[in-house]
Structure formats: structure tokens, C-alpha cells
Amino acid sequence: MSTTGRDRVAFGVDLGRCNPRLWHDVTQAADELGYESVWLPEHLIFPETISTSPAPDDPHVHVSPTTPLFDAFVMLASLAAATRQIRVGTNVYNIGLRHPFITARAAATLDIVTAGRLDLGIGVSWLEPEWDAVGLDFSTRGKRADEILAICRRLWTEPVVSHAGTHFQFDAVVFEPKPRQQPLPVHVGGDSRAALRRVVTAGQGWIGMIHDPASFARSVDVLHELAEAAGVDAGALQRTALVANPDERTVDEWHRAGATRLIVAPWSRSNDAVAGLEHFARSVGGLQPSGER
């Protein structure tokens, strides 16, 4: 294959497609093999019955209410502690369900304890009963996310912060310590125009959730359009696609579509995850083992 896609696309690992009992083994293997990052899905709570889907146009995409849920920041801290260089990310953290103080504190702490290895992927949510369970209005999720992100950015960078907004109000507060990374990388998940606008106004990257290369490329065009209108350098924005098990040809396709990172899961059974990572690293190439970095 052309080295263009291989050399210019980073590879992350989708922990959500693997049994949690293997997360440490998979993360350590990914670190040693040269994968750039691991990504953990996140929800606060599931209702007893889930009748909606993260991919409403695909009836085969289903989430079971018995899926194990973990505190993403605690779990990622544990995974990072067992590795040397691999980055850790949320895919995606439902930011609107928490007070901005909680998100800002957890993310800053994780960024510090990982020595600056956090990528904070956030989303506005697709599961309305999750919002009902905590007493929040699902229809406000986009505006809440925008306000929370703006507050977090200020807490992470300014010495003293006060705020009087639609959903949150507080007098002057001091937030220390600041994250190690400045800016702390925020990746906005979602496939709507509103999500792409949020990337431009408040993020360092975009995570496309449900795409093929053609639809991803169309969204990248919209992202460039919105960035140009806002005076933002679109080329500096990371663009991540979820591609379970690509081969050499499809890596190049995704690169041509505008992807700068693929989050992959090159296995069919959890017990084969480590072997799958090894095979993918050999077949696609471009990964640099941790001992050579």
C-alpha cells in the first residue's frame, strides 16, 4: 500500500469492543506495539430497557442495559498507570449529565496523573432515559454541553472564574491545579452539523461515530466549511473515525476521506484481542513499538 495513509493516520484501540477483564492486557499490548491511544466508552446509568440506538438508521446497532459501566476517569487512570506512552481517551464522555466542576476536576486530575496523556472525547448523548434518571431535560443537552465546555475551558486556564449562564451560575472560584496539557485536547463526538460546529468553536478534534469513508469525507468538507467561516485552521483539527477492523486498503481509503486517526478493534472475540492487535500491527505497519520510540 501507499505509505501516505499508514504514516499519517494514528491508530487507537476501541476498548468498548472488548471484555473489561482484558482491558489491562489489551492496553499494555497496544502500548508495547506502538498504538497511539486507547478509548473507553462512557455512560452514567442505563435504564432497565433501552429502546433507542446510537445509530437510529441501523436497527442492528443495539446496546444492552446489562453492559458493564465504569467510571471512565478512574479506569483510564488505572490503565495509564500500567503503561508508558500510550494516550487514553473517552469515546465519548456524556458531558451534559454532570456539573462542569465535576468534569473539569476529573479531567484535570487524569491529565496530571497520566503526565499529559488524556484525550477528552465528549458527546451530547443519544439516550434520553439516562437524562430522565438524573432529572435533566434531554432537549437542553446541546446548549448545556456548550455552556459546560466554555466553563471547563475557563477553569482549566484562568486564575479566577465566575459565571452567570442559562444552566449554571456561580460566584468567583479558584480552580487548581490546571491540566498539564494546554490546551487539554477535547474531541467532540457526533455526526450532526451542530456537533461539527462544536468542534470548531470548542474542540481540538472530531470523532465521527457512524460513518463509511464517503460519508466521513462529506462531514470533513462541512467541518472545513465551518472552520473557514469561523477563522479556524481546519488542518489543525484531528479527525477520528471508528473502524473496527480495517485492512491496508481501507486504511488508505479512510486517510483519503480525511481521517487522521482510526479507532480499531481488529478481533472478533475478546480472547483474541491481543493477537489481533499484533496481527494488525504487522499487516498495516507504521506503528512504532514503545521500545523504539
C-alpha atoms as a PDB file:
ATOM      1  CA  MET A   1       0.000   0.000   0.000  1.00  0.00           C
ATOM      2  CA  SER A   2       0.985   3.657  -0.237  1.00  0.00           C
ATOM      3  CA  THR A   3       2.802   4.825   2.848  1.00  0.00           C
ATOM      4  CA  THR A   4       0.735   8.007   2.872  1.00  0.00           C
ATOM      5  CA  GLY A   5      -2.175   6.590   4.853  1.00  0.00           C
ATOM      6  CA  ARG A   6      -0.024   4.391   7.039  1.00  0.00           C
ATOM      7  CA  ASP A   7       2.356   7.176   8.015  1.00  0.00           C
ATOM      8  CA  ARG A   8      -0.218   9.898   8.551  1.00  0.00           C
ATOM      9  CA  VAL A   9      -3.038   8.044  10.322  1.00  0.00           C
ATOM     10  CA  ALA A  10      -2.713   7.298  14.027  1.00  0.00           C
ATOM     11  CA  PHE A  11      -4.238   4.098  15.384  1.00  0.00           C
ATOM     12  CA  GLY A  12      -6.260   3.978  18.566  1.00  0.00           C
ATOM     13  CA  VAL A  13      -7.865   0.912  20.159  1.00  0.00           C
ATOM     14  CA  ASP A  14     -11.589   0.563  20.889  1.00  0.00           C
ATOM     15  CA  LEU A  15     -11.831  -0.931  24.383  1.00  0.00           C
ATOM     16  CA  GLY A  16     -15.622  -0.894  24.139  1.00  0.00           C
ATOM     17  CA  ARG A  17     -15.451  -3.903  21.801  1.00  0.00           C
ATOM     18  CA  CYS A  18     -13.522  -5.979  24.328  1.00  0.00           C
ATOM     19  CA  ASN A  19     -14.452  -7.662  27.613  1.00  0.00           C
ATOM     20  CA  PRO A  20     -13.409  -5.389  30.521  1.00  0.00           C
ATOM     21  CA  ARG A  21     -11.438  -8.207  32.168  1.00  0.00           C
ATOM     22  CA  LEU A  22      -8.932  -7.886  29.305  1.00  0.00           C
ATOM     23  CA  TRP A  23      -8.632  -4.103  29.203  1.00  0.00           C
ATOM     24  CA  HIS A  24      -5.318  -4.011  31.047  1.00  0.00           C
ATOM     25  CA  ASP A  25      -3.794  -6.729  28.868  1.00  0.00           C
ATOM     26  CA  VAL A  26      -5.043  -5.082  25.684  1.00  0.00           C
ATOM     27  CA  THR A  27      -3.831  -1.636  26.743  1.00  0.00           C
ATOM     28  CA  GLN A  28      -0.385  -2.902  27.717  1.00  0.00           C
ATOM     29  CA  ALA A  29      -0.087  -4.794  24.426  1.00  0.00           C
ATOM     30  CA  ALA A  30      -1.213  -1.729  22.463  1.00  0.00           C
ATOM     31  CA  ASP A  31       1.383   0.398  24.244  1.00  0.00           C
ATOM     32  CA  GLU A  32       4.162  -2.059  23.508  1.00  0.00           C
ATOM     33  CA  LEU A  33       3.125  -2.462  19.856  1.00  0.00           C
ATOM     34  CA  GLY A  34       3.064   1.269  19.142  1.00  0.00           C
ATOM     35  CA  TYR A  35      -0.642   2.106  19.041  1.00  0.00           C
ATOM     36  CA  GLU A  36      -1.215   5.778  19.741  1.00  0.00           C
ATOM     37  CA  SER A  37      -4.185   5.566  22.121  1.00  0.00           C
ATOM     38  CA  VAL A  38      -6.928   3.524  23.773  1.00  0.00           C
ATOM     39  CA  TRP A  39     -10.512   4.752  24.016  1.00  0.00           C
ATOM     40  CA  LEU A  40     -13.167   3.902  26.590  1.00  0.00           C
ATOM     41  CA  PRO A  41     -16.930   4.380  26.110  1.00  0.00           C
ATOM     42  CA  GLU A  42     -18.884   6.059  28.895  1.00  0.00           C
ATOM     43  CA  HIS A  43     -22.389   6.266  30.328  1.00  0.00           C
ATOM     44  CA  LEU A  44     -23.583   7.251  33.780  1.00  0.00           C
ATOM     45  CA  ILE A  45     -26.544   4.860  34.034  1.00  0.00           C
ATOM     46  CA  PHE A  46     -28.710   2.663  31.811  1.00  0.00           C
ATOM     47  CA  PRO A  47     -32.473   2.279  32.060  1.00  0.00           C
ATOM     48  CA  GLU A  48     -33.856  -1.222  32.522  1.00  0.00           C
ATOM     49  CA  THR A  49     -34.977  -1.267  28.883  1.00  0.00           C
ATOM     50  CA  ILE A  50     -33.185   0.508  26.024  1.00  0.00           C
ATOM     51  CA  SER A  51     -35.462   1.037  23.038  1.00  0.00           C
ATOM     52  CA  THR A  52     -33.348   3.598  21.170  1.00  0.00           C
ATOM     53  CA  SER A  53     -29.985   3.235  19.454  1.00  0.00           C
ATOM     54  CA  PRO A  54     -26.811   5.295  18.991  1.00  0.00           C
ATOM     55  CA  ALA A  55     -27.302   4.598  15.283  1.00  0.00           C
ATOM     56  CA  PRO A  56     -31.033   5.202  14.681  1.00  0.00           C
ATOM     57  CA  ASP A  57     -30.757   4.351  10.977  1.00  0.00           C
ATOM     58  CA  ASP A  58     -29.243   0.935  11.730  1.00  0.00           C
ATOM     59  CA  PRO A  59     -31.558  -1.436  13.644  1.00  0.00           C
ATOM     60  CA  HIS A  60     -28.675  -3.856  14.213  1.00  0.00           C
ATOM     61  CA  VAL A  61     -26.780  -1.423  16.482  1.00  0.00           C
ATOM     62  CA  HIS A  62     -28.036  -2.243  19.965  1.00  0.00           C
ATOM     63  CA  VAL A  63     -26.807  -1.507  23.482  1.00  0.00           C
ATOM     64  CA  SER A  64     -27.712  -3.922  26.266  1.00  0.00           C
ATOM     65  CA  PRO A  65     -28.715  -2.389  29.622  1.00  0.00           C
ATOM     66  CA  THR A  66     -26.566  -5.029  31.332  1.00  0.00           C
ATOM     67  CA  THR A  67     -23.382  -3.726  29.679  1.00  0.00           C
ATOM     68  CA  PRO A  68     -20.844  -3.113  32.472  1.00  0.00           C
ATOM     69  CA  LEU A  69     -20.311   0.601  33.161  1.00  0.00           C
ATOM     70  CA  PHE A  70     -17.219   2.023  34.871  1.00  0.00           C
ATOM     71  CA  ASP A  71     -16.127   5.463  35.930  1.00  0.00           C
ATOM     72  CA  ALA A  72     -14.101   6.362  32.855  1.00  0.00           C
ATOM     73  CA  PHE A  73     -11.576   8.593  34.597  1.00  0.00           C
ATOM     74  CA  VAL A  74     -10.775   6.061  37.306  1.00  0.00           C
ATOM     75  CA  MET A  75     -10.461   3.223  34.799  1.00  0.00           C
ATOM     76  CA  LEU A  76      -8.283   5.218  32.412  1.00  0.00           C
ATOM     77  CA  ALA A  77      -6.004   6.252  35.286  1.00  0.00           C
ATOM     78  CA  SER A  78      -5.556   2.584  36.130  1.00  0.00           C
ATOM     79  CA  LEU A  79      -4.786   1.699  32.514  1.00  0.00           C
ATOM     80  CA  ALA A  80      -2.351   4.570  32.115  1.00  0.00           C
ATOM     81  CA  ALA A  81      -0.516   3.587  35.297  1.00  0.00           C
ATOM     82  CA  ALA A  82       0.284   0.203  33.728  1.00  0.00           C
ATOM     83  CA  THR A  83       1.686   1.694  30.510  1.00  0.00           C
ATOM     84  CA  ARG A  84       4.449   4.021  29.391  1.00  0.00           C
ATOM     85  CA  GLN A  85       3.418   6.207  26.470  1.00  0.00           C
ATOM     86  CA  ILE A  86       0.014   5.316  25.084  1.00  0.00           C
ATOM     87  CA  ARG A  87      -2.634   8.024  25.333  1.00  0.00           C
ATOM     88  CA  VAL A  88      -6.016   7.402  26.976  1.00  0.00           C
ATOM     89  CA  GLY A  89      -9.332   8.803  25.781  1.00  0.00           C
ATOM     90  CA  THR A  90     -13.074   8.796  26.372  1.00  0.00           C
ATOM     91  CA  ASN A  91     -15.309   7.832  23.457  1.00  0.00           C
ATOM     92  CA  VAL A  92     -17.382   9.583  24.489  1.00  0.00           C
ATOM     93  CA  TYR A  93     -17.984  11.172  27.885  1.00  0.00           C
ATOM     94  CA  ASN A  94     -21.559  12.417  28.329  1.00  0.00           C
ATOM     95  CA  ILE A  95     -20.562  15.872  29.461  1.00  0.00           C
ATOM     96  CA  GLY A  96     -24.043  17.336  29.847  1.00  0.00           C
ATOM     97  CA  LEU A  97     -25.011  14.988  32.678  1.00  0.00           C
ATOM     98  CA  ARG A  98     -22.535  16.497  35.159  1.00  0.00           C
ATOM     99  CA  HIS A  99     -21.831  19.835  36.734  1.00  0.00           C
ATOM    100  CA  PRO A 100     -18.827  21.449  35.000  1.00  0.00           C
ATOM    101  CA  PHE A 101     -16.863  21.450  38.267  1.00  0.00           C
ATOM    102  CA  ILE A 102     -17.022  17.643  38.318  1.00  0.00           C
ATOM    103  CA  THR A 103     -15.877  17.240  34.719  1.00  0.00           C
ATOM    104  CA  ALA A 104     -13.165  19.882  34.956  1.00  0.00           C
ATOM    105  CA  ARG A 105     -11.737  18.382  38.156  1.00  0.00           C
ATOM    106  CA  ALA A 106     -11.767  14.788  36.939  1.00  0.00           C
ATOM    107  CA  ALA A 107     -10.239  15.609  33.562  1.00  0.00           C
ATOM    108  CA  ALA A 108      -7.536  17.838  35.010  1.00  0.00           C
ATOM    109  CA  THR A 109      -6.610  15.215  37.592  1.00  0.00           C
ATOM    110  CA  LEU A 110      -6.405  12.462  34.974  1.00  0.00           C
ATOM    111  CA  ASP A 111      -4.285  14.627  32.705  1.00  0.00           C
ATOM    112  CA  ILE A 112      -1.854  15.255  35.563  1.00  0.00           C
ATOM    113  CA  VAL A 113      -1.569  11.656  36.774  1.00  0.00           C
ATOM    114  CA  THR A 114      -1.042  10.441  33.192  1.00  0.00           C
ATOM    115  CA  ALA A 115       1.663  13.070  32.569  1.00  0.00           C
ATOM    116  CA  GLY A 116      -0.400  14.723  29.848  1.00  0.00           C
ATOM    117  CA  ARG A 117      -1.773  11.675  28.042  1.00  0.00           C
ATOM    118  CA  LEU A 118      -5.513  12.444  28.138  1.00  0.00           C
ATOM    119  CA  ASP A 119      -7.753  12.983  25.118  1.00  0.00           C
ATOM    120  CA  LEU A 120     -11.192  14.035  26.363  1.00  0.00           C
ATOM    121  CA  GLY A 121     -13.821  12.841  23.905  1.00  0.00           C
ATOM    122  CA  ILE A 122     -17.231  14.308  24.710  1.00  0.00           C
ATOM    123  CA  GLY A 123     -20.757  13.906  23.377  1.00  0.00           C
ATOM    124  CA  VAL A 124     -24.178  15.407  23.964  1.00  0.00           C
ATOM    125  CA  SER A 125     -25.827  11.973  24.337  1.00  0.00           C
ATOM    126  CA  TRP A 126     -28.392   9.889  22.459  1.00  0.00           C
ATOM    127  CA  LEU A 127     -30.076   8.104  25.393  1.00  0.00           C
ATOM    128  CA  GLU A 128     -32.984  10.201  26.711  1.00  0.00           C
ATOM    129  CA  PRO A 129     -33.866   7.904  29.669  1.00  0.00           C
ATOM    130  CA  GLU A 130     -30.360   8.475  31.052  1.00  0.00           C
ATOM    131  CA  TRP A 131     -31.209  12.168  31.322  1.00  0.00           C
ATOM    132  CA  ASP A 132     -34.617  11.395  32.807  1.00  0.00           C
ATOM    133  CA  ALA A 133     -32.943   9.299  35.513  1.00  0.00           C
ATOM    134  CA  VAL A 134     -30.904  12.263  36.755  1.00  0.00           C
ATOM    135  CA  GLY A 135     -33.745  14.770  36.371  1.00  0.00           C
ATOM    136  CA  LEU A 136     -32.388  16.751  33.423  1.00  0.00           C
ATOM    137  CA  ASP A 137     -34.160  17.904  30.261  1.00  0.00           C
ATOM    138  CA  PHE A 138     -32.870  15.935  27.274  1.00  0.00           C
ATOM    139  CA  SER A 139     -33.882  18.739  24.894  1.00  0.00           C
ATOM    140  CA  THR A 140     -31.334  21.078  26.520  1.00  0.00           C
ATOM    141  CA  ARG A 141     -28.379  18.742  26.020  1.00  0.00           C
ATOM    142  CA  GLY A 142     -26.685  20.684  23.217  1.00  0.00           C
ATOM    143  CA  LYS A 143     -26.856  24.061  24.943  1.00  0.00           C
ATOM    144  CA  ARG A 144     -25.785  22.503  28.241  1.00  0.00           C
ATOM    145  CA  ALA A 145     -22.777  20.918  26.566  1.00  0.00           C
ATOM    146  CA  ASP A 146     -21.768  24.240  25.018  1.00  0.00           C
ATOM    147  CA  GLU A 147     -22.029  26.048  28.337  1.00  0.00           C
ATOM    148  CA  ILE A 148     -20.180  23.316  30.234  1.00  0.00           C
ATOM    149  CA  LEU A 149     -17.335  23.261  27.721  1.00  0.00           C
ATOM    150  CA  ALA A 150     -16.963  27.026  27.938  1.00  0.00           C
ATOM    151  CA  ILE A 151     -16.823  26.860  31.743  1.00  0.00           C
ATOM    152  CA  CYS A 152     -14.326  23.999  31.742  1.00  0.00           C
ATOM    153  CA  ARG A 153     -12.050  25.862  29.334  1.00  0.00           C
ATOM    154  CA  ARG A 154     -12.014  28.846  31.678  1.00  0.00           C
ATOM    155  CA  LEU A 155     -11.430  26.696  34.773  1.00  0.00           C
ATOM    156  CA  TRP A 156      -8.516  24.971  33.043  1.00  0.00           C
ATOM    157  CA  THR A 157      -6.826  28.242  32.054  1.00  0.00           C
ATOM    158  CA  GLU A 158      -7.925  31.262  34.126  1.00  0.00           C
ATOM    159  CA  PRO A 159      -6.868  32.102  37.711  1.00  0.00           C
ATOM    160  CA  VAL A 160     -10.341  33.145  38.895  1.00  0.00           C
ATOM    161  CA  VAL A 161     -13.665  32.261  37.252  1.00  0.00           C
ATOM    162  CA  SER A 162     -17.241  33.404  37.819  1.00  0.00           C
ATOM    163  CA  HIS A 163     -20.182  32.573  35.598  1.00  0.00           C
ATOM    164  CA  ALA A 164     -23.782  33.628  35.036  1.00  0.00           C
ATOM    165  CA  GLY A 165     -25.316  31.477  32.343  1.00  0.00           C
ATOM    166  CA  THR A 166     -28.539  29.737  31.414  1.00  0.00           C
ATOM    167  CA  HIS A 167     -27.835  26.462  33.207  1.00  0.00           C
ATOM    168  CA  PHE A 168     -25.066  27.349  35.676  1.00  0.00           C
ATOM    169  CA  GLN A 169     -24.362  30.334  37.905  1.00  0.00           C
ATOM    170  CA  PHE A 170     -21.573  30.754  40.433  1.00  0.00           C
ATOM    171  CA  ASP A 171     -19.518  33.495  42.034  1.00  0.00           C
ATOM    172  CA  ALA A 172     -15.745  33.740  41.759  1.00  0.00           C
ATOM    173  CA  VAL A 173     -13.945  30.433  42.254  1.00  0.00           C
ATOM    174  CA  VAL A 174     -10.335  29.300  42.046  1.00  0.00           C
ATOM    175  CA  PHE A 175      -9.522  26.061  40.203  1.00  0.00           C
ATOM    176  CA  GLU A 176      -6.127  24.472  40.828  1.00  0.00           C
ATOM    177  CA  PRO A 177      -4.183  22.608  39.609  1.00  0.00           C
ATOM    178  CA  LYS A 178      -4.561  23.233  35.910  1.00  0.00           C
ATOM    179  CA  PRO A 179      -4.265  20.366  33.411  1.00  0.00           C
ATOM    180  CA  ARG A 180      -0.765  19.556  32.254  1.00  0.00           C
ATOM    181  CA  GLN A 181      -1.722  19.924  28.590  1.00  0.00           C
ATOM    182  CA  GLN A 182      -2.570  23.416  27.433  1.00  0.00           C
ATOM    183  CA  PRO A 183      -4.938  23.227  25.793  1.00  0.00           C
ATOM    184  CA  LEU A 184      -6.396  19.992  27.113  1.00  0.00           C
ATOM    185  CA  PRO A 185      -7.440  18.157  23.911  1.00  0.00           C
ATOM    186  CA  VAL A 186     -11.235  17.965  23.569  1.00  0.00           C
ATOM    187  CA  HIS A 187     -12.655  15.779  20.800  1.00  0.00           C
ATOM    188  CA  VAL A 188     -16.326  16.262  20.009  1.00  0.00           C
ATOM    189  CA  GLY A 189     -18.242  13.130  19.078  1.00  0.00           C
ATOM    190  CA  GLY A 190     -21.283  13.247  16.846  1.00  0.00           C
ATOM    191  CA  ASP A 191     -22.401  13.328  13.252  1.00  0.00           C
ATOM    192  CA  SER A 192     -24.698  16.356  13.123  1.00  0.00           C
ATOM    193  CA  ARG A 193     -23.847  19.822  11.858  1.00  0.00           C
ATOM    194  CA  ALA A 194     -24.229  21.033  15.451  1.00  0.00           C
ATOM    195  CA  ALA A 195     -21.522  18.581  16.555  1.00  0.00           C
ATOM    196  CA  LEU A 196     -19.195  19.783  13.797  1.00  0.00           C
ATOM    197  CA  ARG A 197     -19.852  23.392  14.807  1.00  0.00           C
ATOM    198  CA  ARG A 198     -18.956  22.430  18.390  1.00  0.00           C
ATOM    199  CA  VAL A 199     -15.644  21.019  17.139  1.00  0.00           C
ATOM    200  CA  VAL A 200     -14.775  24.354  15.548  1.00  0.00           C
ATOM    201  CA  THR A 201     -15.842  26.528  18.482  1.00  0.00           C
ATOM    202  CA  ALA A 202     -14.646  24.417  21.414  1.00  0.00           C
ATOM    203  CA  GLY A 203     -12.555  21.431  20.345  1.00  0.00           C
ATOM    204  CA  GLN A 204      -9.257  20.170  19.042  1.00  0.00           C
ATOM    205  CA  GLY A 205     -10.806  17.290  17.150  1.00  0.00           C
ATOM    206  CA  TRP A 206     -13.865  15.449  15.891  1.00  0.00           C
ATOM    207  CA  ILE A 207     -14.907  11.826  16.440  1.00  0.00           C
ATOM    208  CA  GLY A 208     -17.229  10.600  13.704  1.00  0.00           C
ATOM    209  CA  MET A 209     -19.487   7.983  15.228  1.00  0.00           C
ATOM    210  CA  ILE A 210     -21.349   6.172  12.435  1.00  0.00           C
ATOM    211  CA  HIS A 211     -19.678   6.519   9.038  1.00  0.00           C
ATOM    212  CA  ASP A 212     -18.256   4.928   5.936  1.00  0.00           C
ATOM    213  CA  PRO A 213     -15.411   6.709   4.102  1.00  0.00           C
ATOM    214  CA  ALA A 214     -17.778   8.548   1.754  1.00  0.00           C
ATOM    215  CA  SER A 215     -19.996   9.973   4.479  1.00  0.00           C
ATOM    216  CA  PHE A 216     -16.947  10.774   6.605  1.00  0.00           C
ATOM    217  CA  ALA A 217     -15.452  12.754   3.707  1.00  0.00           C
ATOM    218  CA  ARG A 218     -18.690  14.740   3.338  1.00  0.00           C
ATOM    219  CA  SER A 219     -18.593  15.619   7.017  1.00  0.00           C
ATOM    220  CA  VAL A 220     -14.945  16.648   6.716  1.00  0.00           C
ATOM    221  CA  ASP A 221     -15.996  19.036   3.934  1.00  0.00           C
ATOM    222  CA  VAL A 222     -18.611  20.554   6.261  1.00  0.00           C
ATOM    223  CA  LEU A 223     -16.017  20.797   9.023  1.00  0.00           C
ATOM    224  CA  HIS A 224     -13.701  22.715   6.689  1.00  0.00           C
ATOM    225  CA  GLU A 225     -16.574  24.992   5.658  1.00  0.00           C
ATOM    226  CA  LEU A 226     -17.456  25.802   9.281  1.00  0.00           C
ATOM    227  CA  ALA A 227     -13.820  26.263  10.243  1.00  0.00           C
ATOM    228  CA  GLU A 228     -13.190  28.679   7.374  1.00  0.00           C
ATOM    229  CA  ALA A 229     -16.248  30.732   8.351  1.00  0.00           C
ATOM    230  CA  ALA A 230     -15.005  30.894  11.946  1.00  0.00           C
ATOM    231  CA  GLY A 231     -11.405  31.713  11.038  1.00  0.00           C
ATOM    232  CA  VAL A 232     -10.155  28.397  12.458  1.00  0.00           C
ATOM    233  CA  ASP A 233      -7.367  26.330  10.889  1.00  0.00           C
ATOM    234  CA  ALA A 234      -9.235  23.173   9.860  1.00  0.00           C
ATOM    235  CA  GLY A 235      -5.959  21.404   9.161  1.00  0.00           C
ATOM    236  CA  ALA A 236      -5.082  21.567  12.864  1.00  0.00           C
ATOM    237  CA  LEU A 237      -8.250  19.701  13.888  1.00  0.00           C
ATOM    238  CA  GLN A 238      -7.884  15.967  14.471  1.00  0.00           C
ATOM    239  CA  ARG A 239     -10.449  13.786  12.687  1.00  0.00           C
ATOM    240  CA  THR A 240     -11.170  10.371  14.154  1.00  0.00           C
ATOM    241  CA  ALA A 241     -13.177   7.506  12.654  1.00  0.00           C
ATOM    242  CA  LEU A 242     -14.393   4.304  14.297  1.00  0.00           C
ATOM    243  CA  VAL A 243     -13.351   1.440  12.013  1.00  0.00           C
ATOM    244  CA  ALA A 244     -13.498  -1.935  13.707  1.00  0.00           C
ATOM    245  CA  ASN A 245     -11.156  -3.996  11.561  1.00  0.00           C
ATOM    246  CA  PRO A 246      -9.610  -2.185   8.588  1.00  0.00           C
ATOM    247  CA  ASP A 247      -7.051  -3.643   6.227  1.00  0.00           C
ATOM    248  CA  GLU A 248      -4.300  -1.867   4.282  1.00  0.00           C
ATOM    249  CA  ARG A 249      -6.670  -0.795   1.509  1.00  0.00           C
ATOM    250  CA  THR A 250      -9.304   0.616   3.847  1.00  0.00           C
ATOM    251  CA  VAL A 251      -6.696   2.497   5.883  1.00  0.00           C
ATOM    252  CA  ASP A 252      -5.788   4.367   2.726  1.00  0.00           C
ATOM    253  CA  GLU A 253      -9.475   4.959   1.945  1.00  0.00           C
ATOM    254  CA  TRP A 254     -10.056   6.495   5.353  1.00  0.00           C
ATOM    255  CA  HIS A 255      -6.948   8.618   5.013  1.00  0.00           C
ATOM    256  CA  ARG A 256      -8.164   9.973   1.684  1.00  0.00           C
ATOM    257  CA  ALA A 257     -11.536  10.646   3.319  1.00  0.00           C
ATOM    258  CA  GLY A 258      -9.771  12.951   5.779  1.00  0.00           C
ATOM    259  CA  ALA A 259      -9.244  10.752   8.836  1.00  0.00           C
ATOM    260  CA  THR A 260      -6.183  11.462  10.970  1.00  0.00           C
ATOM    261  CA  ARG A 261      -6.935   8.678  13.466  1.00  0.00           C
ATOM    262  CA  LEU A 262      -8.698   5.315  13.256  1.00  0.00           C
ATOM    263  CA  ILE A 263     -10.024   3.699  16.425  1.00  0.00           C
ATOM    264  CA  VAL A 264      -9.839  -0.009  15.649  1.00  0.00           C
ATOM    265  CA  ALA A 265     -10.744  -3.362  17.156  1.00  0.00           C
ATOM    266  CA  PRO A 266      -9.032  -5.984  14.947  1.00  0.00           C
ATOM    267  CA  TRP A 267     -10.541  -9.051  16.566  1.00  0.00           C
ATOM    268  CA  SER A 268     -13.816 -10.971  16.540  1.00  0.00           C
ATOM    269  CA  ARG A 269     -13.630 -12.383  20.088  1.00  0.00           C
ATOM    270  CA  SER A 270     -12.281 -10.656  23.191  1.00  0.00           C
ATOM    271  CA  ASN A 271      -9.917 -13.534  23.910  1.00  0.00           C
ATOM    272  CA  ASP A 272      -8.276 -12.880  20.528  1.00  0.00           C
ATOM    273  CA  ALA A 273      -7.823  -9.138  21.094  1.00  0.00           C
ATOM    274  CA  VAL A 274      -4.100  -9.135  21.866  1.00  0.00           C
ATOM    275  CA  ALA A 275      -3.336 -11.465  18.957  1.00  0.00           C
ATOM    276  CA  GLY A 276      -5.490  -9.290  16.729  1.00  0.00           C
ATOM    277  CA  LEU A 277      -3.556  -6.180  17.708  1.00  0.00           C
ATOM    278  CA  GLU A 278      -0.292  -7.954  16.943  1.00  0.00           C
ATOM    279  CA  HIS A 279      -1.512  -9.134  13.540  1.00  0.00           C
ATOM    280  CA  PHE A 280      -2.869  -5.689  12.634  1.00  0.00           C
ATOM    281  CA  ALA A 281       0.400  -4.007  13.634  1.00  0.00           C
ATOM    282  CA  ARG A 282       2.352  -6.383  11.375  1.00  0.00           C
ATOM    283  CA  SER A 283      -0.023  -6.218   8.411  1.00  0.00           C
ATOM    284  CA  VAL A 284      -0.660  -2.484   8.300  1.00  0.00           C
ATOM    285  CA  GLY A 285       2.695  -1.272   9.552  1.00  0.00           C
ATOM    286  CA  GLY A 286       3.561   2.255  10.533  1.00  0.00           C
ATOM    287  CA  LEU A 287       3.388   1.527  14.274  1.00  0.00           C
ATOM    288  CA  GLN A 288       6.463   2.140  16.344  1.00  0.00           C
ATOM    289  CA  PRO A 289       6.966  -0.231  19.304  1.00  0.00           C
ATOM    290  CA  SER A 290       7.395   1.550  22.627  1.00  0.00           C
ATOM    291  CA  GLY A 291      10.986   0.392  22.962  1.00  0.00           C
ATOM    292  CA  GLU A 292      11.867   2.225  19.729  1.00  0.00           C
ATOM    293  CA  ARG A 293      10.116   5.493  20.500  1.00  0.00           C
END
